[in-house]
Amino acid sequence: MIKLSILDQSPIAYGIKAPEALQQTVRMAQLAEELGYTRFWVSEHHDAKSVAGSTPEILIAHLGANTSHIRLGSGGVMLPHYSAYKVAENFRMLEALYPKRIDLGLGRAPGGMPIATKALQEGRRIPVDYSEQVADLMGYLTDQLPEGHRFSGLTAAPVVETVPEMWLLGSTNGSATIAAERGTAFTFAQFINPVGGIDAVREYEERFQPSNLYDKPEASVAIFVVCAETEQEAEQLASTIDLALLRLEQGYTSEGIPTLEMAESYELSPYEQLRVSENRKRMVVGDPNSVKRQIEELANAYGVNEVMGATLIPDFQKRMHCFELLAQVFNLKNG
């Protein structure tokens, strides 16, 4: 049976403010728990006007206090910006507060424009090696830094008996290779890159080296989902994401996720129509039965049993209904 999870980017639609978007994320986490989703992850973006989440660690802590059992995690912490030791302390604290419920999803993308990266890394003089950061983080979380490590004997507080799940997130085979070599779980972000994901997951599984966290590979795929009562309504809702992705590609500073009215009134150029067609490979769109079929085909193609859905539908009620329909057609509550 396919497990379903949610990646929530706290989208800010036109007409609402960031605090409201974050409250919608809280409600979405509660709904995901009610509906039987496996895990709920939140993202990290910097200097962004169309999404509100900048510090997943803080948001996860709040979500934990407002839910009871669903797994919560980061999708993801952009590790090159930070000290692996501090990230370990953050997630050990979360694990202490919410035992066996925390996922540490890691990425190496900037999560924002170059000016944000410069500000985040201000004062850093030595470039970091992402793979080594991952290894250090694993050592801190398990109290198993290798002998001779430059920080041997250092403990990440608080000391807890359980360890967060560790997932490397990637849209190329680069992160897949590191996940395999270090022995972490891996999620391919098809909602970012529609090309090469199947090969990346296959390479991850073939090259996987057991670690003190995982004795066998564990993989999933993340994709945009637009599910509605009818195909026609799903296409209308997807048009808002089409326009949002176009604006992002074209470098426009967005004040929020476009509304349906904005999308319907926007006249696509021939080139933009081609881009929309290409970007649709990053989505599954349709009525419940169609979306179910597409997700099953996606999971089968990747050889995984977990699919994580993200959506930027600007209307919050429609966004919630998308995941309600998905839960119903997959019979999650009885799964």
C-alpha atoms as a PDB file:
ATOM      1  CA  MET A   1       0.000   0.000   0.000  1.00  0.00           C
ATOM      2  CA  ILE A   2       1.227   3.490  -0.835  1.00  0.00           C
ATOM      3  CA  LYS A   3       1.862   5.824   2.069  1.00  0.00           C
ATOM      4  CA  LEU A   4       0.963   9.465   1.481  1.00  0.00           C
ATOM      5  CA  SER A   5       2.609  12.473   3.129  1.00  0.00           C
ATOM      6  CA  ILE A   6       2.420  16.257   2.746  1.00  0.00           C
ATOM      7  CA  LEU A   7       5.026  18.943   2.146  1.00  0.00           C
ATOM      8  CA  ASP A   8       3.565  22.306   3.125  1.00  0.00           C
ATOM      9  CA  GLN A   9       5.359  25.435   1.922  1.00  0.00           C
ATOM     10  CA  SER A  10       3.078  27.869   3.802  1.00  0.00           C
ATOM     11  CA  PRO A  11       1.983  29.582   0.581  1.00  0.00           C
ATOM     12  CA  ILE A  12       0.959  33.221   0.818  1.00  0.00           C
ATOM     13  CA  ALA A  13      -1.897  33.873  -1.563  1.00  0.00           C
ATOM     14  CA  TYR A  14      -2.720  37.370  -2.767  1.00  0.00           C
ATOM     15  CA  GLY A  15      -4.787  39.128  -0.127  1.00  0.00           C
ATOM     16  CA  ILE A  16      -3.416  37.359   2.954  1.00  0.00           C
ATOM     17  CA  LYS A  17      -0.401  37.979   5.180  1.00  0.00           C
ATOM     18  CA  ALA A  18       2.343  35.652   6.405  1.00  0.00           C
ATOM     19  CA  PRO A  19       0.827  35.065   9.895  1.00  0.00           C
ATOM     20  CA  GLU A  20      -2.379  33.810   8.290  1.00  0.00           C
ATOM     21  CA  ALA A  21      -0.411  31.540   5.960  1.00  0.00           C
ATOM     22  CA  LEU A  22       1.382  30.026   8.957  1.00  0.00           C
ATOM     23  CA  GLN A  23      -1.912  29.465  10.764  1.00  0.00           C
ATOM     24  CA  GLN A  24      -3.121  27.674   7.642  1.00  0.00           C
ATOM     25  CA  THR A  25      -0.071  25.413   7.883  1.00  0.00           C
ATOM     26  CA  VAL A  26      -1.052  24.536  11.461  1.00  0.00           C
ATOM     27  CA  ARG A  27      -4.580  23.689  10.360  1.00  0.00           C
ATOM     28  CA  MET A  28      -3.224  21.661   7.460  1.00  0.00           C
ATOM     29  CA  ALA A  29      -1.027  19.614   9.812  1.00  0.00           C
ATOM     30  CA  GLN A  30      -4.020  18.909  12.018  1.00  0.00           C
ATOM     31  CA  LEU A  31      -6.051  17.885   8.983  1.00  0.00           C
ATOM     32  CA  ALA A  32      -3.233  15.633   7.734  1.00  0.00           C
ATOM     33  CA  GLU A  33      -3.207  13.896  11.114  1.00  0.00           C
ATOM     34  CA  GLU A  34      -6.998  13.490  11.086  1.00  0.00           C
ATOM     35  CA  LEU A  35      -6.947  12.048   7.574  1.00  0.00           C
ATOM     36  CA  GLY A  36      -4.194   9.482   8.160  1.00  0.00           C
ATOM     37  CA  TYR A  37      -1.214  10.951   6.311  1.00  0.00           C
ATOM     38  CA  THR A  38       2.153   9.499   7.327  1.00  0.00           C
ATOM     39  CA  ARG A  39       4.230  12.662   7.763  1.00  0.00           C
ATOM     40  CA  PHE A  40       3.953  16.427   7.417  1.00  0.00           C
ATOM     41  CA  TRP A  41       7.003  18.444   6.404  1.00  0.00           C
ATOM     42  CA  VAL A  42       7.544  22.202   6.208  1.00  0.00           C
ATOM     43  CA  SER A  43      10.012  24.043   3.999  1.00  0.00           C
ATOM     44  CA  GLU A  44      12.755  26.647   4.311  1.00  0.00           C
ATOM     45  CA  HIS A  45      12.749  29.737   2.086  1.00  0.00           C
ATOM     46  CA  HIS A  46      14.482  33.069   2.591  1.00  0.00           C
ATOM     47  CA  ASP A  47      13.482  36.603   1.584  1.00  0.00           C
ATOM     48  CA  ALA A  48      10.356  35.183  -0.057  1.00  0.00           C
ATOM     49  CA  LYS A  49       7.028  36.980  -0.387  1.00  0.00           C
ATOM     50  CA  SER A  50       4.946  34.083  -1.684  1.00  0.00           C
ATOM     51  CA  VAL A  51       5.823  31.501   1.000  1.00  0.00           C
ATOM     52  CA  ALA A  52       6.085  32.121   4.743  1.00  0.00           C
ATOM     53  CA  GLY A  53       8.292  29.361   6.112  1.00  0.00           C
ATOM     54  CA  SER A  54      11.871  30.446   6.851  1.00  0.00           C
ATOM     55  CA  THR A  55      12.738  28.447   9.979  1.00  0.00           C
ATOM     56  CA  PRO A  56      11.303  24.923   9.882  1.00  0.00           C
ATOM     57  CA  GLU A  57      12.726  24.046  13.316  1.00  0.00           C
ATOM     58  CA  ILE A  58      10.554  26.663  15.023  1.00  0.00           C
ATOM     59  CA  LEU A  59       7.485  25.827  12.991  1.00  0.00           C
ATOM     60  CA  ILE A  60       7.895  22.100  13.703  1.00  0.00           C
ATOM     61  CA  ALA A  61       7.959  22.824  17.431  1.00  0.00           C
ATOM     62  CA  HIS A  62       4.670  24.712  17.147  1.00  0.00           C
ATOM     63  CA  LEU A  63       3.118  21.986  14.996  1.00  0.00           C
ATOM     64  CA  GLY A  64       4.148  19.377  17.533  1.00  0.00           C
ATOM     65  CA  ALA A  65       2.283  21.248  20.254  1.00  0.00           C
ATOM     66  CA  ASN A  66      -0.829  21.333  18.065  1.00  0.00           C
ATOM     67  CA  THR A  67      -0.850  17.692  16.913  1.00  0.00           C
ATOM     68  CA  SER A  68      -0.535  14.384  18.728  1.00  0.00           C
ATOM     69  CA  HIS A  69       1.015  11.629  16.609  1.00  0.00           C
ATOM     70  CA  ILE A  70       1.743  12.497  12.959  1.00  0.00           C
ATOM     71  CA  ARG A  71       5.438  12.595  12.042  1.00  0.00           C
ATOM     72  CA  LEU A  72       6.719  16.151  11.569  1.00  0.00           C
ATOM     73  CA  GLY A  73       9.794  17.251   9.697  1.00  0.00           C
ATOM     74  CA  SER A  74      11.747  19.678   7.582  1.00  0.00           C
ATOM     75  CA  GLY A  75      11.586  19.641   3.833  1.00  0.00           C
ATOM     76  CA  GLY A  76      14.224  20.726   4.375  1.00  0.00           C
ATOM     77  CA  VAL A  77      16.899  22.430   6.432  1.00  0.00           C
ATOM     78  CA  MET A  78      19.405  23.951   3.989  1.00  0.00           C
ATOM     79  CA  LEU A  79      22.441  22.544   5.769  1.00  0.00           C
ATOM     80  CA  PRO A  80      25.282  24.428   3.990  1.00  0.00           C
ATOM     81  CA  HIS A  81      24.070  27.653   5.618  1.00  0.00           C
ATOM     82  CA  TYR A  82      24.514  26.290   9.126  1.00  0.00           C
ATOM     83  CA  SER A  83      26.671  24.485  11.658  1.00  0.00           C
ATOM     84  CA  ALA A  84      25.949  20.757  11.647  1.00  0.00           C
ATOM     85  CA  TYR A  85      26.358  20.833  15.411  1.00  0.00           C
ATOM     86  CA  LYS A  86      23.650  23.452  15.881  1.00  0.00           C
ATOM     87  CA  VAL A  87      21.270  21.620  13.554  1.00  0.00           C
ATOM     88  CA  ALA A  88      21.870  18.482  15.635  1.00  0.00           C
ATOM     89  CA  GLU A  89      20.997  20.364  18.817  1.00  0.00           C
ATOM     90  CA  ASN A  90      17.847  21.809  17.243  1.00  0.00           C
ATOM     91  CA  PHE A  91      16.579  18.424  16.147  1.00  0.00           C
ATOM     92  CA  ARG A  92      17.606  16.630  19.314  1.00  0.00           C
ATOM     93  CA  MET A  93      15.526  19.188  21.174  1.00  0.00           C
ATOM     94  CA  LEU A  94      12.573  18.487  18.885  1.00  0.00           C
ATOM     95  CA  GLU A  95      13.082  14.741  19.331  1.00  0.00           C
ATOM     96  CA  ALA A  96      13.151  15.204  23.120  1.00  0.00           C
ATOM     97  CA  LEU A  97       9.870  17.120  22.979  1.00  0.00           C
ATOM     98  CA  TYR A  98       8.155  14.828  20.456  1.00  0.00           C
ATOM     99  CA  PRO A  99       9.842  11.390  20.638  1.00  0.00           C
ATOM    100  CA  LYS A 100       9.713   9.179  17.534  1.00  0.00           C
ATOM    101  CA  ARG A 101       7.846  11.865  15.597  1.00  0.00           C
ATOM    102  CA  ILE A 102      10.634  13.977  14.109  1.00  0.00           C
ATOM    103  CA  ASP A 103      12.148  13.841  10.606  1.00  0.00           C
ATOM    104  CA  LEU A 104      15.268  15.800   9.726  1.00  0.00           C
ATOM    105  CA  GLY A 105      15.069  16.473   6.011  1.00  0.00           C
ATOM    106  CA  LEU A 106      18.185  18.116   4.596  1.00  0.00           C
ATOM    107  CA  GLY A 107      18.882  20.030   1.400  1.00  0.00           C
ATOM    108  CA  ARG A 108      21.804  21.913  -0.061  1.00  0.00           C
ATOM    109  CA  ALA A 109      19.921  24.399  -2.246  1.00  0.00           C
ATOM    110  CA  PRO A 110      20.167  28.047  -1.147  1.00  0.00           C
ATOM    111  CA  GLY A 111      16.456  28.455  -0.495  1.00  0.00           C
ATOM    112  CA  GLY A 112      16.603  32.030  -1.730  1.00  0.00           C
ATOM    113  CA  MET A 113      18.451  34.529  -3.885  1.00  0.00           C
ATOM    114  CA  PRO A 114      22.226  35.069  -3.625  1.00  0.00           C
ATOM    115  CA  ILE A 115      21.829  38.083  -1.329  1.00  0.00           C
ATOM    116  CA  ALA A 116      20.064  35.866   1.223  1.00  0.00           C
ATOM    117  CA  THR A 117      22.798  33.243   0.991  1.00  0.00           C
ATOM    118  CA  LYS A 118      25.422  35.933   1.542  1.00  0.00           C
ATOM    119  CA  ALA A 119      23.610  37.174   4.631  1.00  0.00           C
ATOM    120  CA  LEU A 120      23.109  33.668   6.018  1.00  0.00           C
ATOM    121  CA  GLN A 121      26.763  32.790   5.573  1.00  0.00           C
ATOM    122  CA  GLU A 122      28.210  36.152   6.583  1.00  0.00           C
ATOM    123  CA  GLY A 123      31.529  35.725   8.345  1.00  0.00           C
ATOM    124  CA  ARG A 124      32.133  32.200   7.071  1.00  0.00           C
ATOM    125  CA  ARG A 125      35.635  31.897   5.693  1.00  0.00           C
ATOM    126  CA  ILE A 126      35.972  28.194   4.912  1.00  0.00           C
ATOM    127  CA  PRO A 127      33.702  26.547   2.298  1.00  0.00           C
ATOM    128  CA  VAL A 128      31.787  23.565   3.667  1.00  0.00           C
ATOM    129  CA  ASP A 129      31.668  20.059   2.229  1.00  0.00           C
ATOM    130  CA  TYR A 130      28.022  18.965   2.264  1.00  0.00           C
ATOM    131  CA  SER A 131      28.786  15.257   2.478  1.00  0.00           C
ATOM    132  CA  GLU A 132      31.067  15.832   5.450  1.00  0.00           C
ATOM    133  CA  GLN A 133      28.404  17.969   7.094  1.00  0.00           C
ATOM    134  CA  VAL A 134      25.931  15.102   6.720  1.00  0.00           C
ATOM    135  CA  ALA A 135      28.432  12.689   8.288  1.00  0.00           C
ATOM    136  CA  ASP A 136      29.098  15.090  11.169  1.00  0.00           C
ATOM    137  CA  LEU A 137      25.384  15.546  11.763  1.00  0.00           C
ATOM    138  CA  MET A 138      24.848  11.786  11.901  1.00  0.00           C
ATOM    139  CA  GLY A 139      27.683  11.514  14.401  1.00  0.00           C
ATOM    140  CA  TYR A 140      26.224  14.192  16.663  1.00  0.00           C
ATOM    141  CA  LEU A 141      22.722  12.678  16.547  1.00  0.00           C
ATOM    142  CA  THR A 142      23.973   9.194  17.447  1.00  0.00           C
ATOM    143  CA  ASP A 143      26.862  10.143  19.744  1.00  0.00           C
ATOM    144  CA  GLN A 144      29.176   8.285  17.401  1.00  0.00           C
ATOM    145  CA  LEU A 145      31.712  10.743  16.071  1.00  0.00           C
ATOM    146  CA  PRO A 146      34.608   8.778  14.559  1.00  0.00           C
ATOM    147  CA  GLU A 147      37.855   8.411  16.489  1.00  0.00           C
ATOM    148  CA  GLY A 148      40.154  11.299  15.737  1.00  0.00           C
ATOM    149  CA  HIS A 149      37.312  13.608  14.715  1.00  0.00           C
ATOM    150  CA  ARG A 150      38.202  17.278  15.249  1.00  0.00           C
ATOM    151  CA  PHE A 151      35.344  17.565  17.803  1.00  0.00           C
ATOM    152  CA  SER A 152      35.689  14.140  19.373  1.00  0.00           C
ATOM    153  CA  GLY A 153      33.982  14.038  22.764  1.00  0.00           C
ATOM    154  CA  LEU A 154      31.524  16.827  21.932  1.00  0.00           C
ATOM    155  CA  THR A 155      27.883  16.068  22.768  1.00  0.00           C
ATOM    156  CA  ALA A 156      24.820  17.600  21.134  1.00  0.00           C
ATOM    157  CA  ALA A 157      22.377  18.491  23.887  1.00  0.00           C
ATOM    158  CA  PRO A 158      19.901  17.420  25.022  1.00  0.00           C
ATOM    159  CA  VAL A 159      20.917  13.759  25.115  1.00  0.00           C
ATOM    160  CA  VAL A 160      17.955  11.602  24.095  1.00  0.00           C
ATOM    161  CA  GLU A 161      17.495   7.893  23.530  1.00  0.00           C
ATOM    162  CA  THR A 162      15.806   8.169  20.139  1.00  0.00           C
ATOM    163  CA  VAL A 163      17.098   9.624  16.880  1.00  0.00           C
ATOM    164  CA  PRO A 164      15.170  11.636  14.275  1.00  0.00           C
ATOM    165  CA  GLU A 165      14.802  10.036  10.885  1.00  0.00           C
ATOM    166  CA  MET A 166      17.298  11.611   8.484  1.00  0.00           C
ATOM    167  CA  TRP A 167      16.325  12.231   4.865  1.00  0.00           C
ATOM    168  CA  LEU A 168      18.431  13.832   2.163  1.00  0.00           C
ATOM    169  CA  LEU A 169      16.290  15.765  -0.295  1.00  0.00           C
ATOM    170  CA  GLY A 170      17.443  16.253  -3.851  1.00  0.00           C
ATOM    171  CA  SER A 171      16.425  17.084  -7.404  1.00  0.00           C
ATOM    172  CA  THR A 172      19.521  15.537  -9.024  1.00  0.00           C
ATOM    173  CA  ASN A 173      21.547  12.388  -8.548  1.00  0.00           C
ATOM    174  CA  GLY A 174      24.167  14.331  -6.554  1.00  0.00           C
ATOM    175  CA  SER A 175      22.240  14.193  -3.306  1.00  0.00           C
ATOM    176  CA  ALA A 176      21.173  10.632  -4.113  1.00  0.00           C
ATOM    177  CA  THR A 177      24.823   9.614  -4.222  1.00  0.00           C
ATOM    178  CA  ILE A 178      25.581  11.264  -0.873  1.00  0.00           C
ATOM    179  CA  ALA A 179      22.494   9.674   0.702  1.00  0.00           C
ATOM    180  CA  ALA A 180      23.656   6.271  -0.520  1.00  0.00           C
ATOM    181  CA  GLU A 181      27.236   6.731   0.655  1.00  0.00           C
ATOM    182  CA  ARG A 182      26.230   8.032   4.092  1.00  0.00           C
ATOM    183  CA  GLY A 183      23.335   5.622   4.598  1.00  0.00           C
ATOM    184  CA  THR A 184      20.417   8.019   4.981  1.00  0.00           C
ATOM    185  CA  ALA A 185      16.922   7.958   3.494  1.00  0.00           C
ATOM    186  CA  PHE A 186      16.354   9.874   0.240  1.00  0.00           C
ATOM    187  CA  THR A 187      13.492  11.866  -1.291  1.00  0.00           C
ATOM    188  CA  PHE A 188      13.552  12.968  -4.918  1.00  0.00           C
ATOM    189  CA  ALA A 189      11.901  16.359  -5.493  1.00  0.00           C
ATOM    190  CA  GLN A 190      10.070  15.876  -8.782  1.00  0.00           C
ATOM    191  CA  PHE A 191       8.074  19.011  -7.982  1.00  0.00           C
ATOM    192  CA  ILE A 192      11.352  20.860  -8.583  1.00  0.00           C
ATOM    193  CA  ASN A 193      12.870  18.793 -11.388  1.00  0.00           C
ATOM    194  CA  PRO A 194      10.785  16.417 -13.526  1.00  0.00           C
ATOM    195  CA  VAL A 195      13.830  14.809 -15.151  1.00  0.00           C
ATOM    196  CA  GLY A 196      16.106  12.059 -13.870  1.00  0.00           C
ATOM    197  CA  GLY A 197      14.333  11.139 -10.675  1.00  0.00           C
ATOM    198  CA  ILE A 198      13.819   7.470 -11.431  1.00  0.00           C
ATOM    199  CA  ASP A 199      17.493   7.020 -12.283  1.00  0.00           C
ATOM    200  CA  ALA A 200      18.531   8.958  -9.154  1.00  0.00           C
ATOM    201  CA  VAL A 201      16.476   6.720  -6.873  1.00  0.00           C
ATOM    202  CA  ARG A 202      17.750   3.609  -8.641  1.00  0.00           C
ATOM    203  CA  GLU A 203      21.344   4.786  -8.212  1.00  0.00           C
ATOM    204  CA  TYR A 204      20.665   5.541  -4.547  1.00  0.00           C
ATOM    205  CA  GLU A 205      19.333   2.051  -3.933  1.00  0.00           C
ATOM    206  CA  GLU A 206      22.137   0.317  -5.841  1.00  0.00           C
ATOM    207  CA  ARG A 207      24.924   2.246  -4.077  1.00  0.00           C
ATOM    208  CA  PHE A 208      23.392   2.310  -0.596  1.00  0.00           C
ATOM    209  CA  GLN A 209      25.787   1.630   2.287  1.00  0.00           C
ATOM    210  CA  PRO A 210      24.186   0.587   5.605  1.00  0.00           C
ATOM    211  CA  SER A 211      24.710   3.006   8.483  1.00  0.00           C
ATOM    212  CA  ASN A 212      23.840   3.239  12.152  1.00  0.00           C
ATOM    213  CA  LEU A 213      20.596   4.920  11.052  1.00  0.00           C
ATOM    214  CA  TYR A 214      19.432   2.671   8.210  1.00  0.00           C
ATOM    215  CA  ASP A 215      20.300  -0.903   7.327  1.00  0.00           C
ATOM    216  CA  LYS A 216      18.571  -0.704   3.951  1.00  0.00           C
ATOM    217  CA  PRO A 217      17.591   2.070   1.527  1.00  0.00           C
ATOM    218  CA  GLU A 218      14.398   4.028   2.090  1.00  0.00           C
ATOM    219  CA  ALA A 219      13.203   6.351  -0.667  1.00  0.00           C
ATOM    220  CA  SER A 220      10.206   8.469  -1.600  1.00  0.00           C
ATOM    221  CA  VAL A 221       9.201  10.997  -4.248  1.00  0.00           C
ATOM    222  CA  ALA A 222       7.632  14.448  -3.804  1.00  0.00           C
ATOM    223  CA  ILE A 223       5.390  16.057  -6.434  1.00  0.00           C
ATOM    224  CA  PHE A 224       2.875  18.872  -6.794  1.00  0.00           C
ATOM    225  CA  VAL A 225      -0.714  17.614  -6.452  1.00  0.00           C
ATOM    226  CA  VAL A 226      -3.905  19.291  -7.625  1.00  0.00           C
ATOM    227  CA  CYS A 227      -6.975  17.177  -6.887  1.00  0.00           C
ATOM    228  CA  ALA A 228     -10.554  18.429  -7.222  1.00  0.00           C
ATOM    229  CA  GLU A 229     -14.043  17.033  -7.652  1.00  0.00           C
ATOM    230  CA  THR A 230     -13.800  17.277 -11.454  1.00  0.00           C
ATOM    231  CA  GLU A 231     -11.058  17.364 -14.057  1.00  0.00           C
ATOM    232  CA  GLN A 232     -12.246  20.812 -15.138  1.00  0.00           C
ATOM    233  CA  GLU A 233     -11.948  22.284 -11.649  1.00  0.00           C
ATOM    234  CA  ALA A 234      -8.542  20.657 -11.164  1.00  0.00           C
ATOM    235  CA  GLU A 235      -7.289  22.245 -14.378  1.00  0.00           C
ATOM    236  CA  GLN A 236      -8.559  25.641 -13.257  1.00  0.00           C
ATOM    237  CA  LEU A 237      -6.783  25.340  -9.906  1.00  0.00           C
ATOM    238  CA  ALA A 238      -3.612  24.089 -11.557  1.00  0.00           C
ATOM    239  CA  SER A 239      -3.534  27.194 -13.740  1.00  0.00           C
ATOM    240  CA  THR A 240      -2.680  29.254 -10.642  1.00  0.00           C
ATOM    241  CA  ILE A 241       0.382  27.072 -10.024  1.00  0.00           C
ATOM    242  CA  ASP A 242       1.259  27.239 -13.720  1.00  0.00           C
ATOM    243  CA  LEU A 243       1.393  31.036 -13.466  1.00  0.00           C
ATOM    244  CA  ALA A 244       3.269  30.993 -10.145  1.00  0.00           C
ATOM    245  CA  LEU A 245       5.983  28.752 -11.611  1.00  0.00           C
ATOM    246  CA  LEU A 246       6.224  30.881 -14.754  1.00  0.00           C
ATOM    247  CA  ARG A 247       6.732  34.037 -12.698  1.00  0.00           C
ATOM    248  CA  LEU A 248       9.395  32.315 -10.640  1.00  0.00           C
ATOM    249  CA  GLU A 249      11.240  31.211 -13.767  1.00  0.00           C
ATOM    250  CA  GLN A 250      11.011  34.693 -15.251  1.00  0.00           C
ATOM    251  CA  GLY A 251      12.479  36.271 -12.131  1.00  0.00           C
ATOM    252  CA  TYR A 252       9.450  38.328 -11.193  1.00  0.00           C
ATOM    253  CA  THR A 253       9.149  39.387  -7.560  1.00  0.00           C
ATOM    254  CA  SER A 254       5.784  37.990  -6.553  1.00  0.00           C
ATOM    255  CA  GLU A 255       3.563  39.480  -3.880  1.00  0.00           C
ATOM    256  CA  GLY A 256       1.825  36.133  -3.458  1.00  0.00           C
ATOM    257  CA  ILE A 257       0.503  33.027  -5.185  1.00  0.00           C
ATOM    258  CA  PRO A 258      -1.693  34.183  -8.111  1.00  0.00           C
ATOM    259  CA  THR A 259      -5.447  33.928  -7.690  1.00  0.00           C
ATOM    260  CA  LEU A 260      -7.677  31.975 -10.047  1.00  0.00           C
ATOM    261  CA  GLU A 261      -8.926  35.238 -11.529  1.00  0.00           C
ATOM    262  CA  MET A 262      -5.370  36.360 -12.247  1.00  0.00           C
ATOM    263  CA  ALA A 263      -4.532  33.051 -13.887  1.00  0.00           C
ATOM    264  CA  GLU A 264      -7.672  33.058 -16.026  1.00  0.00           C
ATOM    265  CA  SER A 265      -7.020  36.582 -17.271  1.00  0.00           C
ATOM    266  CA  TYR A 266      -3.350  35.946 -18.095  1.00  0.00           C
ATOM    267  CA  GLU A 267      -2.675  35.339 -21.790  1.00  0.00           C
ATOM    268  CA  LEU A 268       0.157  32.865 -22.287  1.00  0.00           C
ATOM    269  CA  SER A 269       2.666  33.433 -25.078  1.00  0.00           C
ATOM    270  CA  PRO A 270       3.604  30.418 -27.245  1.00  0.00           C
ATOM    271  CA  TYR A 271       6.862  30.053 -25.300  1.00  0.00           C
ATOM    272  CA  GLU A 272       5.014  30.239 -21.980  1.00  0.00           C
ATOM    273  CA  GLN A 273       2.617  27.557 -23.168  1.00  0.00           C
ATOM    274  CA  LEU A 274       5.618  25.301 -23.763  1.00  0.00           C
ATOM    275  CA  ARG A 275       6.932  26.064 -20.279  1.00  0.00           C
ATOM    276  CA  VAL A 276       3.540  25.271 -18.745  1.00  0.00           C
ATOM    277  CA  SER A 277       3.508  21.960 -20.596  1.00  0.00           C
ATOM    278  CA  GLU A 278       6.994  21.145 -19.319  1.00  0.00           C
ATOM    279  CA  ASN A 279       6.165  22.203 -15.756  1.00  0.00           C
ATOM    280  CA  ARG A 280       3.121  19.941 -15.738  1.00  0.00           C
ATOM    281  CA  LYS A 281       5.598  17.052 -15.505  1.00  0.00           C
ATOM    282  CA  ARG A 282       6.166  18.316 -11.961  1.00  0.00           C
ATOM    283  CA  MET A 283       2.482  17.822 -11.087  1.00  0.00           C
ATOM    284  CA  VAL A 284      -0.337  15.332 -10.927  1.00  0.00           C
ATOM    285  CA  VAL A 285      -3.631  17.032 -11.781  1.00  0.00           C
ATOM    286  CA  GLY A 286      -7.155  15.669 -11.997  1.00  0.00           C
ATOM    287  CA  ASP A 287     -10.197  14.277 -10.236  1.00  0.00           C
ATOM    288  CA  PRO A 288      -9.671  11.779  -7.387  1.00  0.00           C
ATOM    289  CA  ASN A 289      -9.599   8.637  -9.514  1.00  0.00           C
ATOM    290  CA  SER A 290      -7.269  10.208 -12.071  1.00  0.00           C
ATOM    291  CA  VAL A 291      -4.895  11.492  -9.402  1.00  0.00           C
ATOM    292  CA  LYS A 292      -4.902   8.117  -7.652  1.00  0.00           C
ATOM    293  CA  ARG A 293      -3.947   6.401 -10.897  1.00  0.00           C
ATOM    294  CA  GLN A 294      -1.181   8.922 -11.592  1.00  0.00           C
ATOM    295  CA  ILE A 295       0.270   8.586  -8.087  1.00  0.00           C
ATOM    296  CA  GLU A 296       0.209   4.806  -8.285  1.00  0.00           C
ATOM    297  CA  GLU A 297       1.986   4.955 -11.632  1.00  0.00           C
ATOM    298  CA  LEU A 298       4.529   7.396 -10.209  1.00  0.00           C
ATOM    299  CA  ALA A 299       5.254   5.190  -7.181  1.00  0.00           C
ATOM    300  CA  ASN A 300       5.559   2.144  -9.398  1.00  0.00           C
ATOM    301  CA  ALA A 301       7.947   3.906 -11.788  1.00  0.00           C
ATOM    302  CA  TYR A 302      10.157   5.005  -8.890  1.00  0.00           C
ATOM    303  CA  GLY A 303       9.841   1.718  -7.053  1.00  0.00           C
ATOM    304  CA  VAL A 304       8.828   3.474  -3.805  1.00  0.00           C
ATOM    305  CA  ASN A 305       5.927   3.037  -1.412  1.00  0.00           C
ATOM    306  CA  GLU A 306       5.656   6.646  -0.254  1.00  0.00           C
ATOM    307  CA  VAL A 307       4.634   9.739  -2.200  1.00  0.00           C
ATOM    308  CA  MET A 308       4.717  13.235  -0.716  1.00  0.00           C
ATOM    309  CA  GLY A 309       2.338  15.791  -2.150  1.00  0.00           C
ATOM    310  CA  ALA A 310       2.807  19.551  -2.194  1.00  0.00           C
ATOM    311  CA  THR A 311       0.406  22.130  -3.539  1.00  0.00           C
ATOM    312  CA  LEU A 312       0.281  25.896  -3.980  1.00  0.00           C
ATOM    313  CA  ILE A 313      -3.469  26.173  -4.548  1.00  0.00           C
ATOM    314  CA  PRO A 314      -4.138  29.736  -3.304  1.00  0.00           C
ATOM    315  CA  ASP A 315      -7.646  29.091  -1.963  1.00  0.00           C
ATOM    316  CA  PHE A 316      -7.085  27.468   1.436  1.00  0.00           C
ATOM    317  CA  GLN A 317     -10.402  25.629   1.466  1.00  0.00           C
ATOM    318  CA  LYS A 318      -9.638  24.176  -1.963  1.00  0.00           C
ATOM    319  CA  ARG A 319      -6.143  23.277  -0.765  1.00  0.00           C
ATOM    320  CA  MET A 320      -7.540  21.358   2.192  1.00  0.00           C
ATOM    321  CA  HIS A 321     -10.167  19.694   0.024  1.00  0.00           C
ATOM    322  CA  CYS A 322      -7.431  18.522  -2.350  1.00  0.00           C
ATOM    323  CA  PHE A 323      -5.877  16.461   0.450  1.00  0.00           C
ATOM    324  CA  GLU A 324      -9.280  15.355   1.762  1.00  0.00           C
ATOM    325  CA  LEU A 325     -10.136  13.906  -1.641  1.00  0.00           C
ATOM    326  CA  LEU A 326      -6.741  12.253  -1.868  1.00  0.00           C
ATOM    327  CA  ALA A 327      -7.151  10.639   1.555  1.00  0.00           C
ATOM    328  CA  GLN A 328     -10.604   9.382   0.629  1.00  0.00           C
ATOM    329  CA  VAL A 329      -9.634   7.812  -2.663  1.00  0.00           C
ATOM    330  CA  PHE A 330      -6.613   6.105  -1.065  1.00  0.00           C
ATOM    331  CA  ASN A 331      -8.693   5.083   1.984  1.00  0.00           C
ATOM    332  CA  LEU A 332      -5.962   6.364   4.318  1.00  0.00           C
ATOM    333  CA  LYS A 333      -7.922   6.146   7.555  1.00  0.00           C
ATOM    334  CA  ASN A 334      -8.366   2.425   7.075  1.00  0.00           C
ATOM    335  CA  GLY A 335      -4.908   1.859   5.638  1.00  0.00           C
END
